[in-house]
């Protein structure tokens, strides 16, 4: 098992999330809800997340497009928890969102 595939402790996760505003650790996954004023922008954002997932070879547990918001969660099923890959993906999702929010 590669280092990036190792399950992180709750302490490691909470420390990493301190640098990721809005992300929270809940029931073995990290998650965040991103607000949107326009539904089409929310759908486009979700599409960018799917493209990112393909590039990273690491897919979110869920992406949920709802009126006014998009919910995203990550965990690594193989280890039944959060890994470095999940946190790195969350960082990238935040970067993508910054482009939509500006």
PDB file of N, CA and C in Angstrom:
ATOM      1  N   UNK A   1       0.841  -1.179   0.000  1.00  0.00           N
ATOM      2  CA  UNK A   1       0.000   0.000   0.000  1.00  0.00           C
ATOM      3  C   UNK A   1       0.886   1.242   0.000  1.00  0.00           C
ATOM      4  N   UNK A   2       0.624   2.152  -0.915  1.00  0.00           N
ATOM      5  CA  UNK A   2       1.397   3.390  -1.007  1.00  0.00           C
ATOM      6  C   UNK A   2       1.053   4.308   0.160  1.00  0.00           C
ATOM      7  N   UNK A   3       1.970   5.217   0.475  1.00  0.00           N
ATOM      8  CA  UNK A   3       1.767   6.147   1.590  1.00  0.00           C
ATOM      9  C   UNK A   3       0.482   6.949   1.394  1.00  0.00           C
ATOM     10  N   UNK A   4       0.205   7.401   0.166  1.00  0.00           N
ATOM     11  CA  UNK A   4      -0.987   8.201  -0.102  1.00  0.00           C
ATOM     12  C   UNK A   4      -2.272   7.414   0.120  1.00  0.00           C
ATOM     13  N   UNK A   5      -2.190   6.095   0.127  1.00  0.00           N
ATOM     14  CA  UNK A   5      -3.364   5.252   0.273  1.00  0.00           C
ATOM     15  C   UNK A   5      -3.630   4.846   1.718  1.00  0.00           C
ATOM     16  N   UNK A   6      -2.802   5.283   2.638  1.00  0.00           N
ATOM     17  CA  UNK A   6      -2.984   4.907   4.039  1.00  0.00           C
ATOM     18  C   UNK A   6      -4.047   5.775   4.695  1.00  0.00           C
ATOM     19  N   UNK A   7      -4.878   5.132   5.465  1.00  0.00           N
ATOM     20  CA  UNK A   7      -5.944   5.830   6.184  1.00  0.00           C
ATOM     21  C   UNK A   7      -5.340   6.777   7.215  1.00  0.00           C
ATOM     22  N   UNK A   8      -5.838   8.015   7.248  1.00  0.00           N
ATOM     23  CA  UNK A   8      -5.362   9.008   8.189  1.00  0.00           C
ATOM     24  C   UNK A   8      -6.124   8.902   9.499  1.00  0.00           C
ATOM     25  N   UNK A   9      -5.448   9.281  10.573  1.00  0.00           N
ATOM     26  CA  UNK A   9      -6.106   9.352  11.881  1.00  0.00           C
ATOM     27  C   UNK A   9      -7.010  10.579  11.901  1.00  0.00           C
ATOM     28  N   UNK A  10      -7.934  10.585  12.844  1.00  0.00           N
ATOM     29  CA  UNK A  10      -8.816  11.748  12.984  1.00  0.00           C
ATOM     30  C   UNK A  10      -8.005  13.007  13.271  1.00  0.00           C
ATOM     31  N   UNK A  11      -6.943  12.882  14.045  1.00  0.00           N
ATOM     32  CA  UNK A  11      -6.083  14.030  14.350  1.00  0.00           C
ATOM     33  C   UNK A  11      -5.426  14.577  13.076  1.00  0.00           C
ATOM     34  N   UNK A  12      -4.911  13.696  12.225  1.00  0.00           N
ATOM     35  CA  UNK A  12      -4.304  14.130  10.962  1.00  0.00           C
ATOM     36  C   UNK A  12      -5.330  14.841  10.086  1.00  0.00           C
ATOM     37  N   UNK A  13      -6.514  14.293  10.032  1.00  0.00           N
ATOM     38  CA  UNK A  13      -7.569  14.876   9.198  1.00  0.00           C
ATOM     39  C   UNK A  13      -7.940  16.264   9.709  1.00  0.00           C
ATOM     40  N   UNK A  14      -8.185  16.375  10.985  1.00  0.00           N
ATOM     41  CA  UNK A  14      -8.595  17.667  11.564  1.00  0.00           C
ATOM     42  C   UNK A  14      -7.495  18.723  11.393  1.00  0.00           C
ATOM     43  N   UNK A  15      -6.251  18.315  11.495  1.00  0.00           N
ATOM     44  CA  UNK A  15      -5.133  19.243  11.287  1.00  0.00           C
ATOM     45  C   UNK A  15      -5.121  19.732   9.837  1.00  0.00           C
ATOM     46  N   UNK A  16      -5.302  18.827   8.894  1.00  0.00           N
ATOM     47  CA  UNK A  16      -5.325  19.202   7.477  1.00  0.00           C
ATOM     48  C   UNK A  16      -6.518  20.109   7.171  1.00  0.00           C
ATOM     49  N   UNK A  17      -7.660  19.823   7.759  1.00  0.00           N
ATOM     50  CA  UNK A  17      -8.859  20.615   7.492  1.00  0.00           C
ATOM     51  C   UNK A  17      -8.777  22.018   8.075  1.00  0.00           C
ATOM     52  N   UNK A  18      -7.889  22.224   9.028  1.00  0.00           N
ATOM     53  CA  UNK A  18      -7.700  23.565   9.579  1.00  0.00           C
ATOM     54  C   UNK A  18      -7.261  24.541   8.491  1.00  0.00           C
ATOM     55  N   UNK A  19      -6.613  24.029   7.452  1.00  0.00           N
ATOM     56  CA  UNK A  19      -6.163  24.847   6.319  1.00  0.00           C
ATOM     57  C   UNK A  19      -7.147  24.824   5.158  1.00  0.00           C
ATOM     58  N   UNK A  20      -8.289  24.173   5.341  1.00  0.00           N
ATOM     59  CA  UNK A  20      -9.306  24.072   4.292  1.00  0.00           C
ATOM     60  C   UNK A  20     -10.643  24.579   4.832  1.00  0.00           C
ATOM     61  N   UNK A  21     -10.838  25.897   4.833  1.00  0.00           N
ATOM     62  CA  UNK A  21     -12.065  26.462   5.392  1.00  0.00           C
ATOM     63  C   UNK A  21     -13.325  25.846   4.768  1.00  0.00           C
ATOM     64  N   UNK A  22     -14.272  25.542   5.639  1.00  0.00           N
ATOM     65  CA  UNK A  22     -15.551  25.021   5.182  1.00  0.00           C
ATOM     66  C   UNK A  22     -15.622  23.514   5.076  1.00  0.00           C
ATOM     67  N   UNK A  23     -14.485  22.845   5.008  1.00  0.00           N
ATOM     68  CA  UNK A  23     -14.474  21.382   4.949  1.00  0.00           C
ATOM     69  C   UNK A  23     -14.623  20.855   6.368  1.00  0.00           C
ATOM     70  N   UNK A  24     -15.348  19.760   6.504  1.00  0.00           N
ATOM     71  CA  UNK A  24     -15.513  19.139   7.817  1.00  0.00           C
ATOM     72  C   UNK A  24     -15.362  17.634   7.703  1.00  0.00           C
ATOM     73  N   UNK A  25     -15.007  17.040   8.801  1.00  0.00           N
ATOM     74  CA  UNK A  25     -14.857  15.585   8.879  1.00  0.00           C
ATOM     75  C   UNK A  25     -16.118  15.028   9.514  1.00  0.00           C
ATOM     76  N   UNK A  26     -16.756  14.112   8.807  1.00  0.00           N
ATOM     77  CA  UNK A  26     -18.035  13.568   9.260  1.00  0.00           C
ATOM     78  C   UNK A  26     -18.171  12.116   8.819  1.00  0.00           C
ATOM     79  N   UNK A  27     -18.352  11.224   9.765  1.00  0.00           N
ATOM     80  CA  UNK A  27     -18.646   9.814   9.473  1.00  0.00           C
ATOM     81  C   UNK A  27     -17.685   9.176   8.459  1.00  0.00           C
ATOM     82  N   UNK A  28     -16.385   9.388   8.675  1.00  0.00           N
ATOM     83  CA  UNK A  28     -15.381   8.746   7.842  1.00  0.00           C
ATOM     84  C   UNK A  28     -15.121   9.381   6.494  1.00  0.00           C
ATOM     85  N   UNK A  29     -15.568  10.623   6.323  1.00  0.00           N
ATOM     86  CA  UNK A  29     -15.342  11.323   5.053  1.00  0.00           C
ATOM     87  C   UNK A  29     -15.142  12.808   5.340  1.00  0.00           C
ATOM     88  N   UNK A  30     -14.587  13.512   4.346  1.00  0.00           N
ATOM     89  CA  UNK A  30     -14.516  14.963   4.431  1.00  0.00           C
ATOM     90  C   UNK A  30     -15.526  15.525   3.446  1.00  0.00           C
ATOM     91  N   UNK A  31     -16.160  16.639   3.831  1.00  0.00           N
ATOM     92  CA  UNK A  31     -17.224  17.169   2.986  1.00  0.00           C
ATOM     93  C   UNK A  31     -17.339  18.680   3.118  1.00  0.00           C
ATOM     94  N   UNK A  32     -17.918  19.263   2.070  1.00  0.00           N
ATOM     95  CA  UNK A  32     -18.129  20.708   2.058  1.00  0.00           C
ATOM     96  C   UNK A  32     -19.305  21.012   1.140  1.00  0.00           C
ATOM     97  N   UNK A  33     -20.029  22.079   1.475  1.00  0.00           N
ATOM     98  CA  UNK A  33     -21.108  22.584   0.630  1.00  0.00           C
ATOM     99  C   UNK A  33     -20.674  23.930   0.075  1.00  0.00           C
ATOM    100  N   UNK A  34     -20.753  24.075  -1.243  1.00  0.00           N
ATOM    101  CA  UNK A  34     -20.346  25.288  -1.937  1.00  0.00           C
ATOM    102  C   UNK A  34     -21.591  26.036  -2.413  1.00  0.00           C
ATOM    103  N   UNK A  35     -21.745  27.321  -2.063  1.00  0.00           N
ATOM    104  CA  UNK A  35     -22.929  28.071  -2.483  1.00  0.00           C
ATOM    105  C   UNK A  35     -22.808  28.598  -3.919  1.00  0.00           C
ATOM    106  N   UNK A  36     -23.957  28.670  -4.590  1.00  0.00           N
ATOM    107  CA  UNK A  36     -24.043  29.216  -5.947  1.00  0.00           C
ATOM    108  C   UNK A  36     -25.324  30.015  -6.082  1.00  0.00           C
ATOM    109  N   UNK A  37     -25.259  31.103  -6.836  1.00  0.00           N
ATOM    110  CA  UNK A  37     -26.455  31.901  -7.111  1.00  0.00           C
ATOM    111  C   UNK A  37     -27.178  31.397  -8.355  1.00  0.00           C
ATOM    112  N   UNK A  38     -26.427  30.783  -9.257  1.00  0.00           N
ATOM    113  CA  UNK A  38     -26.990  30.340 -10.533  1.00  0.00           C
ATOM    114  C   UNK A  38     -26.832  28.822 -10.647  1.00  0.00           C
ATOM    115  N   UNK A  39     -27.939  28.132 -10.905  1.00  0.00           N
ATOM    116  CA  UNK A  39     -27.917  26.675 -10.983  1.00  0.00           C
ATOM    117  C   UNK A  39     -26.959  26.180 -12.070  1.00  0.00           C
ATOM    118  N   UNK A  40     -26.917  26.864 -13.203  1.00  0.00           N
ATOM    119  CA  UNK A  40     -26.023  26.443 -14.293  1.00  0.00           C
ATOM    120  C   UNK A  40     -24.559  26.494 -13.855  1.00  0.00           C
ATOM    121  N   UNK A  41     -24.206  27.474 -13.044  1.00  0.00           N
ATOM    122  CA  UNK A  41     -22.839  27.541 -12.524  1.00  0.00           C
ATOM    123  C   UNK A  41     -22.557  26.359 -11.598  1.00  0.00           C
ATOM    124  N   UNK A  42     -23.546  25.997 -10.792  1.00  0.00           N
ATOM    125  CA  UNK A  42     -23.392  24.844  -9.897  1.00  0.00           C
ATOM    126  C   UNK A  42     -23.161  23.571 -10.705  1.00  0.00           C
ATOM    127  N   UNK A  43     -23.938  23.405 -11.764  1.00  0.00           N
ATOM    128  CA  UNK A  43     -23.793  22.217 -12.612  1.00  0.00           C
ATOM    129  C   UNK A  43     -22.435  22.206 -13.313  1.00  0.00           C
ATOM    130  N   UNK A  44     -21.979  23.377 -13.766  1.00  0.00           N
ATOM    131  CA  UNK A  44     -20.666  23.461 -14.425  1.00  0.00           C
ATOM    132  C   UNK A  44     -19.547  23.143 -13.436  1.00  0.00           C
ATOM    133  N   UNK A  45     -19.684  23.621 -12.223  1.00  0.00           N
ATOM    134  CA  UNK A  45     -18.711  23.325 -11.161  1.00  0.00           C
ATOM    135  C   UNK A  45     -18.637  21.819 -10.916  1.00  0.00           C
ATOM    136  N   UNK A  46     -19.784  21.188 -10.827  1.00  0.00           N
ATOM    137  CA  UNK A  46     -19.813  19.732 -10.634  1.00  0.00           C
ATOM    138  C   UNK A  46     -19.097  19.028 -11.784  1.00  0.00           C
ATOM    139  N   UNK A  47     -19.333  19.501 -13.004  1.00  0.00           N
ATOM    140  CA  UNK A  47     -18.650  18.918 -14.157  1.00  0.00           C
ATOM    141  C   UNK A  47     -17.145  19.040 -14.059  1.00  0.00           C
ATOM    142  N   UNK A  48     -16.668  20.175 -13.556  1.00  0.00           N
ATOM    143  CA  UNK A  48     -15.224  20.365 -13.373  1.00  0.00           C
ATOM    144  C   UNK A  48     -14.678  19.398 -12.326  1.00  0.00           C
ATOM    145  N   UNK A  49     -15.476  19.130 -11.302  1.00  0.00           N
ATOM    146  CA  UNK A  49     -15.043  18.167 -10.281  1.00  0.00           C
ATOM    147  C   UNK A  49     -14.892  16.784 -10.900  1.00  0.00           C
ATOM    148  N   UNK A  50     -15.821  16.412 -11.758  1.00  0.00           N
ATOM    149  CA  UNK A  50     -15.736  15.108 -12.416  1.00  0.00           C
ATOM    150  C   UNK A  50     -14.499  15.016 -13.308  1.00  0.00           C
ATOM    151  N   UNK A  51     -14.186  16.091 -14.027  1.00  0.00           N
ATOM    152  CA  UNK A  51     -12.977  16.109 -14.857  1.00  0.00           C
ATOM    153  C   UNK A  51     -11.720  15.998 -13.988  1.00  0.00           C
ATOM    154  N   UNK A  52     -11.702  16.723 -12.877  1.00  0.00           N
ATOM    155  CA  UNK A  52     -10.583  16.640 -11.948  1.00  0.00           C
ATOM    156  C   UNK A  52     -10.405  15.211 -11.449  1.00  0.00           C
ATOM    157  N   UNK A  53     -11.504  14.575 -11.093  1.00  0.00           N
ATOM    158  CA  UNK A  53     -11.449  13.204 -10.580  1.00  0.00           C
ATOM    159  C   UNK A  53     -10.806  12.270 -11.597  1.00  0.00           C
ATOM    160  N   UNK A  54     -11.150  12.435 -12.847  1.00  0.00           N
ATOM    161  CA  UNK A  54     -10.553  11.601 -13.893  1.00  0.00           C
ATOM    162  C   UNK A  54      -9.051  11.861 -13.997  1.00  0.00           C
ATOM    163  N   UNK A  55      -8.666  13.127 -13.911  1.00  0.00           N
ATOM    164  CA  UNK A  55      -7.239  13.474 -13.991  1.00  0.00           C
ATOM    165  C   UNK A  55      -6.462  12.918 -12.804  1.00  0.00           C
ATOM    166  N   UNK A  56      -7.046  12.983 -11.625  1.00  0.00           N
ATOM    167  CA  UNK A  56      -6.367  12.500 -10.422  1.00  0.00           C
ATOM    168  C   UNK A  56      -6.450  10.985 -10.271  1.00  0.00           C
ATOM    169  N   UNK A  57      -7.406  10.366 -10.949  1.00  0.00           N
ATOM    170  CA  UNK A  57      -7.634   8.940 -10.752  1.00  0.00           C
ATOM    171  C   UNK A  57      -8.193   8.660  -9.366  1.00  0.00           C
ATOM    172  N   UNK A  58      -8.880   9.657  -8.811  1.00  0.00           N
ATOM    173  CA  UNK A  58      -9.456   9.535  -7.471  1.00  0.00           C
ATOM    174  C   UNK A  58     -10.797  10.253  -7.483  1.00  0.00           C
ATOM    175  N   UNK A  59     -11.858   9.528  -7.253  1.00  0.00           N
ATOM    176  CA  UNK A  59     -13.198  10.063  -7.425  1.00  0.00           C
ATOM    177  C   UNK A  59     -13.856  10.401  -6.090  1.00  0.00           C
ATOM    178  N   UNK A  60     -14.685  11.441  -6.083  1.00  0.00           N
ATOM    179  CA  UNK A  60     -15.388  11.791  -4.854  1.00  0.00           C
ATOM    180  C   UNK A  60     -16.396  10.713  -4.479  1.00  0.00           C
ATOM    181  N   UNK A  61     -16.680  10.637  -3.205  1.00  0.00           N
ATOM    182  CA  UNK A  61     -17.723   9.734  -2.738  1.00  0.00           C
ATOM    183  C   UNK A  61     -19.070  10.206  -3.273  1.00  0.00           C
ATOM    184  N   UNK A  62     -19.272  11.533  -3.273  1.00  0.00           N
ATOM    185  CA  UNK A  62     -20.525  12.093  -3.763  1.00  0.00           C
ATOM    186  C   UNK A  62     -20.322  13.525  -4.219  1.00  0.00           C
ATOM    187  N   UNK A  63     -21.066  13.886  -5.257  1.00  0.00           N
ATOM    188  CA  UNK A  63     -21.214  15.271  -5.699  1.00  0.00           C
ATOM    189  C   UNK A  63     -22.709  15.454  -5.905  1.00  0.00           C
ATOM    190  N   UNK A  64     -23.282  16.372  -5.157  1.00  0.00           N
ATOM    191  CA  UNK A  64     -24.725  16.563  -5.201  1.00  0.00           C
ATOM    192  C   UNK A  64     -25.032  18.006  -5.600  1.00  0.00           C
ATOM    193  N   UNK A  65     -25.656  18.185  -6.762  1.00  0.00           N
ATOM    194  CA  UNK A  65     -26.034  19.511  -7.245  1.00  0.00           C
ATOM    195  C   UNK A  65     -27.467  19.784  -6.800  1.00  0.00           C
ATOM    196  N   UNK A  66     -27.630  20.853  -6.049  1.00  0.00           N
ATOM    197  CA  UNK A  66     -28.939  21.239  -5.534  1.00  0.00           C
ATOM    198  C   UNK A  66     -29.162  22.712  -5.852  1.00  0.00           C
ATOM    199  N   UNK A  67     -30.391  23.174  -5.833  1.00  0.00           N
ATOM    200  CA  UNK A  67     -30.603  24.602  -6.067  1.00  0.00           C
ATOM    201  C   UNK A  67     -29.803  25.434  -5.060  1.00  0.00           C
ATOM    202  N   UNK A  68     -28.915  26.281  -5.575  1.00  0.00           N
ATOM    203  CA  UNK A  68     -28.138  27.170  -4.730  1.00  0.00           C
ATOM    204  C   UNK A  68     -26.892  26.598  -4.094  1.00  0.00           C
ATOM    205  N   UNK A  69     -26.596  25.313  -4.358  1.00  0.00           N
ATOM    206  CA  UNK A  69     -25.404  24.752  -3.728  1.00  0.00           C
ATOM    207  C   UNK A  69     -24.990  23.425  -4.361  1.00  0.00           C
ATOM    208  N   UNK A  70     -23.721  23.078  -4.093  1.00  0.00           N
ATOM    209  CA  UNK A  70     -23.163  21.792  -4.506  1.00  0.00           C
ATOM    210  C   UNK A  70     -22.468  21.190  -3.290  1.00  0.00           C
ATOM    211  N   UNK A  71     -22.850  19.979  -2.945  1.00  0.00           N
ATOM    212  CA  UNK A  71     -22.196  19.257  -1.860  1.00  0.00           C
ATOM    213  C   UNK A  71     -21.183  18.279  -2.430  1.00  0.00           C
ATOM    214  N   UNK A  72     -20.012  18.218  -1.816  1.00  0.00           N
ATOM    215  CA  UNK A  72     -18.939  17.337  -2.273  1.00  0.00           C
ATOM    216  C   UNK A  72     -18.386  16.580  -1.066  1.00  0.00           C
ATOM    217  N   UNK A  73     -18.154  15.281  -1.229  1.00  0.00           N
ATOM    218  CA  UNK A  73     -17.516  14.527  -0.151  1.00  0.00           C
ATOM    219  C   UNK A  73     -16.491  13.561  -0.732  1.00  0.00           C
ATOM    220  N   UNK A  74     -15.444  13.330   0.049  1.00  0.00           N
ATOM    221  CA  UNK A  74     -14.367  12.420  -0.342  1.00  0.00           C
ATOM    222  C   UNK A  74     -14.079  11.436   0.784  1.00  0.00           C
ATOM    223  N   UNK A  75     -13.822  10.212   0.401  1.00  0.00           N
ATOM    224  CA  UNK A  75     -13.246   9.186   1.268  1.00  0.00           C
ATOM    225  C   UNK A  75     -12.644   8.138   0.351  1.00  0.00           C
ATOM    226  N   UNK A  76     -11.803   7.300   0.903  1.00  0.00           N
ATOM    227  CA  UNK A  76     -11.186   6.234   0.122  1.00  0.00           C
ATOM    228  C   UNK A  76     -11.786   4.914   0.573  1.00  0.00           C
ATOM    229  N   UNK A  77     -12.558   4.319  -0.310  1.00  0.00           N
ATOM    230  CA  UNK A  77     -13.308   3.102   0.035  1.00  0.00           C
ATOM    231  C   UNK A  77     -12.400   1.940   0.421  1.00  0.00           C
ATOM    232  N   UNK A  78     -11.247   1.836  -0.220  1.00  0.00           N
ATOM    233  CA  UNK A  78     -10.345   0.714   0.052  1.00  0.00           C
ATOM    234  C   UNK A  78      -9.878   0.667   1.505  1.00  0.00           C
ATOM    235  N   UNK A  79      -9.773   1.834   2.136  1.00  0.00           N
ATOM    236  CA  UNK A  79      -9.318   1.875   3.525  1.00  0.00           C
ATOM    237  C   UNK A  79     -10.428   2.288   4.490  1.00  0.00           C
ATOM    238  N   UNK A  80     -11.606   2.514   3.937  1.00  0.00           N
ATOM    239  CA  UNK A  80     -12.770   2.911   4.743  1.00  0.00           C
ATOM    240  C   UNK A  80     -12.475   4.156   5.591  1.00  0.00           C
ATOM    241  N   UNK A  81     -11.928   5.175   4.928  1.00  0.00           N
ATOM    242  CA  UNK A  81     -11.619   6.408   5.626  1.00  0.00           C
ATOM    243  C   UNK A  81     -10.981   7.427   4.713  1.00  0.00           C
ATOM    244  N   UNK A  82     -10.372   8.414   5.311  1.00  0.00           N
ATOM    245  CA  UNK A  82      -9.776   9.534   4.588  1.00  0.00           C
ATOM    246  C   UNK A  82      -8.279   9.304   4.438  1.00  0.00           C
ATOM    247  N   UNK A  83      -7.778   9.597   3.235  1.00  0.00           N
ATOM    248  CA  UNK A  83      -6.354   9.468   2.930  1.00  0.00           C
ATOM    249  C   UNK A  83      -5.813  10.801   2.427  1.00  0.00           C
ATOM    250  N   UNK A  84      -4.527  10.833   2.193  1.00  0.00           N
ATOM    251  CA  UNK A  84      -3.883  12.022   1.623  1.00  0.00           C
ATOM    252  C   UNK A  84      -4.515  12.389   0.285  1.00  0.00           C
ATOM    253  N   UNK A  85      -4.891  11.394  -0.504  1.00  0.00           N
ATOM    254  CA  UNK A  85      -5.518  11.653  -1.801  1.00  0.00           C
ATOM    255  C   UNK A  85      -6.815  12.440  -1.646  1.00  0.00           C
ATOM    256  N   UNK A  86      -7.589  12.126  -0.625  1.00  0.00           N
ATOM    257  CA  UNK A  86      -8.844  12.838  -0.396  1.00  0.00           C
ATOM    258  C   UNK A  86      -8.595  14.299  -0.065  1.00  0.00           C
ATOM    259  N   UNK A  87      -7.609  14.550   0.776  1.00  0.00           N
ATOM    260  CA  UNK A  87      -7.297  15.922   1.165  1.00  0.00           C
ATOM    261  C   UNK A  87      -6.752  16.700  -0.031  1.00  0.00           C
ATOM    262  N   UNK A  88      -5.888  16.077  -0.816  1.00  0.00           N
ATOM    263  CA  UNK A  88      -5.361  16.749  -2.014  1.00  0.00           C
ATOM    264  C   UNK A  88      -6.482  17.070  -2.994  1.00  0.00           C
ATOM    265  N   UNK A  89      -7.433  16.164  -3.141  1.00  0.00           N
ATOM    266  CA  UNK A  89      -8.575  16.416  -4.025  1.00  0.00           C
ATOM    267  C   UNK A  89      -9.404  17.582  -3.494  1.00  0.00           C
ATOM    268  N   UNK A  90      -9.589  17.661  -2.178  1.00  0.00           N
ATOM    269  CA  UNK A  90     -10.345  18.765  -1.577  1.00  0.00           C
ATOM    270  C   UNK A  90      -9.659  20.104  -1.852  1.00  0.00           C
ATOM    271  N   UNK A  91      -8.338  20.130  -1.756  1.00  0.00           N
ATOM    272  CA  UNK A  91      -7.583  21.349  -2.068  1.00  0.00           C
ATOM    273  C   UNK A  91      -7.857  21.773  -3.507  1.00  0.00           C
ATOM    274  N   UNK A  92      -7.816  20.824  -4.427  1.00  0.00           N
ATOM    275  CA  UNK A  92      -8.052  21.127  -5.839  1.00  0.00           C
ATOM    276  C   UNK A  92      -9.481  21.606  -6.080  1.00  0.00           C
ATOM    277  N   UNK A  93     -10.447  21.016  -5.398  1.00  0.00           N
ATOM    278  CA  UNK A  93     -11.841  21.452  -5.541  1.00  0.00           C
ATOM    279  C   UNK A  93     -11.979  22.898  -5.063  1.00  0.00           C
ATOM    280  N   UNK A  94     -11.316  23.244  -3.976  1.00  0.00           N
ATOM    281  CA  UNK A  94     -11.344  24.634  -3.511  1.00  0.00           C
ATOM    282  C   UNK A  94     -10.782  25.586  -4.558  1.00  0.00           C
ATOM    283  N   UNK A  95      -9.712  25.197  -5.215  1.00  0.00           N
ATOM    284  CA  UNK A  95      -9.099  26.026  -6.262  1.00  0.00           C
ATOM    285  C   UNK A  95     -10.080  26.201  -7.420  1.00  0.00           C
ATOM    286  N   UNK A  96     -10.735  25.132  -7.823  1.00  0.00           N
ATOM    287  CA  UNK A  96     -11.728  25.214  -8.891  1.00  0.00           C
ATOM    288  C   UNK A  96     -12.858  26.176  -8.492  1.00  0.00           C
ATOM    289  N   UNK A  97     -13.324  26.054  -7.251  1.00  0.00           N
ATOM    290  CA  UNK A  97     -14.416  26.915  -6.786  1.00  0.00           C
ATOM    291  C   UNK A  97     -14.015  28.392  -6.784  1.00  0.00           C
ATOM    292  N   UNK A  98     -12.772  28.674  -6.399  1.00  0.00           N
ATOM    293  CA  UNK A  98     -12.300  30.069  -6.384  1.00  0.00           C
ATOM    294  C   UNK A  98     -12.464  30.712  -7.759  1.00  0.00           C
ATOM    295  N   UNK A  99     -12.266  29.938  -8.798  1.00  0.00           N
ATOM    296  CA  UNK A  99     -12.418  30.454 -10.163  1.00  0.00           C
ATOM    297  C   UNK A  99     -13.877  30.752 -10.473  1.00  0.00           C
ATOM    298  N   UNK A 100     -14.795  29.975  -9.922  1.00  0.00           N
ATOM    299  CA  UNK A 100     -16.218  30.224 -10.120  1.00  0.00           C
ATOM    300  C   UNK A 100     -16.685  31.409  -9.283  1.00  0.00           C
ATOM    301  N   UNK A 101     -16.134  31.556  -8.110  1.00  0.00           N
ATOM    302  CA  UNK A 101     -16.567  32.605  -7.178  1.00  0.00           C
ATOM    303  C   UNK A 101     -16.031  33.979  -7.553  1.00  0.00           C
ATOM    304  N   UNK A 102     -15.002  34.030  -8.398  1.00  0.00           N
ATOM    305  CA  UNK A 102     -14.415  35.348  -8.720  1.00  0.00           C
ATOM    306  C   UNK A 102     -15.060  35.984  -9.924  1.00  0.00           C
TER     307      UNK A 102
END
